[in-house]
Amino acid sequence: MNTFKINAGTTFTRVVDHTGSVEASYKYVFVSDSARFEWSGSYANNQISVTALTSVTSKLLAGVYIWSLVEVINGETTLIDQGRATVTSDLLNASTAQVLTHNEKMLTSIRKRLEGRVLSDHENYSIEGRSLSRIPMDTLKTLENKYAWRVYREQTNRGERPKHKSIRFR
């Protein structure tokens, strides 16, 4: 599956080798759970090219899209290629951005809960017929360890942290 990135607010160009027809029309169709858009392509010298100017990409919603490149000749549609595209936010015009991953948010939340737990050492209590049960401390520590490893792997995959190297001596 072909993947590529589109930076919103910048000019995007993609060229694909294809033995096609000058009479055909070509278009990229992008679909996500919250948006859909199409870009027309042109054909020359056995290549399909599409260019989206800054004015077009700046309006895109950030997220992951599935895309298809299709060829239309006399009403007949042929799928040429498909894949996934990630649209990143236009940082020059953005007022805010979501920078934490799900795992980073969960780890932060669990650690806040653990810090609050130090002040109250009970897991269950009842007042006037109402009861409150808290997540046991052992479960919170297990979840913290699980999410800390997930965050570590994400950060090493993004190149933000060096990977640990294991050395064995015999």
Protein backbone atom coordinates (compact mmCIF):
# COMPACT_ATOMS: atom_id res chain seq x y z
CA MET A 1 0.00 0.00 0.00
CA ASN A 2 1.41 3.38 -1.00
CA THR A 3 1.63 6.01 1.71
CA PHE A 4 2.61 9.64 1.55
CA LYS A 5 2.29 12.85 3.54
CA ILE A 6 0.60 16.10 2.58
CA ASN A 7 1.62 19.18 4.55
CA ALA A 8 -1.36 21.52 4.67
CA GLY A 9 -0.47 25.05 3.62
CA THR A 10 2.26 23.97 1.18
CA THR A 11 2.25 23.10 -2.50
CA PHE A 12 1.86 19.35 -3.06
CA THR A 13 3.01 17.56 -6.22
CA ARG A 14 2.84 13.84 -6.98
CA VAL A 15 3.97 12.15 -10.20
CA VAL A 16 3.16 8.51 -11.02
CA ASP A 17 4.47 6.50 -13.98
CA HIS A 18 1.59 5.05 -15.99
CA THR A 19 1.02 3.99 -19.57
CA GLY A 20 -2.29 5.68 -20.14
CA SER A 21 -4.23 7.68 -22.66
CA VAL A 22 -4.34 11.37 -23.47
CA GLU A 23 -8.14 11.10 -23.88
CA ALA A 24 -8.55 9.86 -20.31
CA SER A 25 -9.15 12.00 -17.25
CA TYR A 26 -7.34 11.22 -14.01
CA LYS A 27 -8.20 12.10 -10.46
CA TYR A 28 -7.15 11.41 -6.90
CA VAL A 29 -10.01 10.82 -4.47
CA PHE A 30 -9.25 11.23 -0.75
CA VAL A 31 -11.67 10.08 1.98
CA SER A 32 -11.44 10.09 5.79
CA ASP A 33 -14.03 9.67 8.51
CA SER A 34 -14.70 13.43 8.49
CA ALA A 35 -13.75 14.77 5.05
CA ARG A 36 -13.58 14.03 1.33
CA PHE A 37 -11.83 15.83 -1.52
CA GLU A 38 -10.71 15.23 -5.12
CA TRP A 39 -7.81 16.53 -7.19
CA SER A 40 -7.63 16.27 -10.98
CA GLY A 41 -4.45 15.00 -12.57
CA SER A 42 -2.89 15.52 -15.97
CA TYR A 43 -1.25 12.97 -18.28
CA ALA A 44 1.92 13.53 -20.34
CA ASN A 45 5.02 11.48 -21.22
CA ASN A 46 3.67 8.29 -19.60
CA GLN A 47 3.20 10.05 -16.27
CA ILE A 48 0.21 11.21 -14.28
CA SER A 49 0.89 14.33 -12.27
CA VAL A 50 -1.20 16.24 -9.79
CA THR A 51 -0.32 19.55 -8.18
CA ALA A 52 -2.29 21.17 -5.36
CA LEU A 53 -1.37 24.76 -4.61
CA THR A 54 -1.00 26.23 -1.15
CA SER A 55 -4.43 27.85 -1.42
CA VAL A 56 -5.95 24.37 -1.85
CA THR A 57 -3.95 22.42 0.75
CA SER A 58 -4.36 25.09 3.44
CA LYS A 59 -8.07 24.21 3.64
CA LEU A 60 -7.47 20.49 4.29
CA LEU A 61 -8.37 18.93 7.63
CA ALA A 62 -5.51 17.13 9.33
CA GLY A 63 -5.86 13.36 9.60
CA VAL A 64 -5.38 10.04 7.85
CA TYR A 65 -7.10 9.53 4.50
CA ILE A 66 -7.45 6.58 2.15
CA TRP A 67 -6.91 7.58 -1.46
CA SER A 68 -7.49 6.16 -4.91
CA LEU A 69 -6.05 7.23 -8.25
CA VAL A 70 -8.58 6.53 -10.98
CA GLU A 71 -8.61 6.78 -14.76
CA VAL A 72 -11.88 7.60 -16.55
CA ILE A 73 -12.20 6.84 -20.28
CA ASN A 74 -15.62 7.14 -21.96
CA GLY A 75 -17.41 6.76 -18.62
CA GLU A 76 -15.43 3.63 -17.66
CA THR A 77 -13.49 4.00 -14.41
CA THR A 78 -10.28 2.05 -13.76
CA LEU A 79 -8.46 1.97 -10.44
CA ILE A 80 -4.76 2.67 -11.01
CA ASP A 81 -3.41 2.90 -7.47
CA GLN A 82 -4.54 3.34 -3.89
CA GLY A 83 -3.12 3.84 -0.43
CA ARG A 84 -3.09 6.04 2.65
CA ALA A 85 -2.15 9.69 3.03
CA THR A 86 -1.53 11.65 6.19
CA VAL A 87 -2.43 15.33 6.11
CA THR A 88 -0.52 17.35 8.69
CA SER A 89 -1.75 20.67 10.08
CA ASP A 90 -0.88 24.00 8.53
CA LEU A 91 1.34 25.20 11.38
CA LEU A 92 1.83 28.67 9.90
CA ASN A 93 -1.88 29.46 10.25
CA ALA A 94 -2.82 27.20 13.17
CA SER A 95 -3.73 28.70 16.53
CA THR A 96 -3.44 25.37 18.39
CA ALA A 97 -2.36 21.82 17.61
CA GLN A 98 -2.83 18.40 19.19
CA VAL A 99 0.68 17.27 20.03
CA LEU A 100 0.13 14.37 22.42
CA THR A 101 -0.62 10.87 21.21
CA HIS A 102 -3.31 8.75 22.86
CA ASN A 103 -0.66 6.82 24.81
CA GLU A 104 0.96 10.04 26.07
CA LYS A 105 -2.43 11.37 27.21
CA MET A 106 -3.19 8.10 29.02
CA LEU A 107 0.21 8.04 30.74
CA THR A 108 -0.25 11.63 31.93
CA SER A 109 -3.73 10.83 33.23
CA ILE A 110 -2.57 7.70 35.07
CA ARG A 111 0.33 9.57 36.67
CA LYS A 112 -2.01 12.34 37.85
CA ARG A 113 -4.26 9.71 39.38
CA LEU A 114 -1.27 8.11 41.13
CA GLU A 115 -0.17 11.48 42.53
CA GLY A 116 -3.66 12.10 43.89
CA ARG A 117 -3.69 8.61 45.39
CA VAL A 118 -0.85 9.46 47.77
CA LEU A 119 -3.16 11.90 49.57
CA SER A 120 -5.99 9.39 49.98
CA ASP A 121 -5.01 5.83 50.82
CA HIS A 122 -8.45 4.16 50.62
CA GLU A 123 -9.83 2.31 47.61
CA ASN A 124 -13.47 1.97 48.68
CA TYR A 125 -15.69 3.99 50.97
CA SER A 126 -19.37 4.60 51.55
CA ILE A 127 -21.21 7.66 52.88
CA GLU A 128 -24.99 7.76 53.40
CA GLY A 129 -25.68 4.86 51.08
CA ARG A 130 -23.41 6.14 48.31
CA SER A 131 -20.23 4.26 47.63
CA LEU A 132 -17.08 5.05 45.71
CA SER A 133 -14.62 2.48 44.40
CA ARG A 134 -11.26 3.58 43.07
CA ILE A 135 -8.92 1.75 40.75
CA PRO A 136 -6.56 -0.32 42.93
CA MET A 137 -3.01 1.01 43.27
CA ASP A 138 -1.51 -2.19 41.79
CA THR A 139 -3.66 -1.82 38.68
CA LEU A 140 -2.64 1.83 38.28
CA LYS A 141 1.05 0.92 38.57
CA THR A 142 0.61 -1.85 35.98
CA LEU A 143 -1.14 0.55 33.60
CA GLU A 144 1.55 3.19 34.16
CA ASN A 145 4.26 0.70 33.22
CA LYS A 146 2.32 -0.48 30.15
CA TYR A 147 1.75 3.06 28.82
CA ALA A 148 5.27 4.20 29.69
CA TRP A 149 6.63 1.46 27.40
CA ARG A 150 4.19 2.41 24.65
CA VAL A 151 5.25 6.07 24.87
CA TYR A 152 8.91 5.04 24.86
CA ARG A 153 8.40 2.98 21.68
CA GLU A 154 6.54 5.84 19.98
CA GLN A 155 9.32 8.28 20.86
CA THR A 156 12.07 5.97 19.62
CA ASN A 157 10.16 5.36 16.38
CA ARG A 158 9.90 9.13 15.87
CA GLY A 159 13.63 9.49 16.59
CA GLU A 160 13.09 11.55 19.75
CA ARG A 161 14.92 9.07 21.99
CA PRO A 162 17.81 6.72 21.33
CA LYS A 163 17.01 3.03 21.25
CA HIS A 164 18.47 0.88 24.00
CA LYS A 165 21.08 -1.57 22.84
CA SER A 166 21.42 -4.94 24.49
CA ILE A 167 24.91 -6.36 24.87
CA ARG A 168 25.56 -9.93 25.97
CA PHE A 169 28.88 -11.14 27.26
CA ARG A 170 29.75 -14.81 27.20
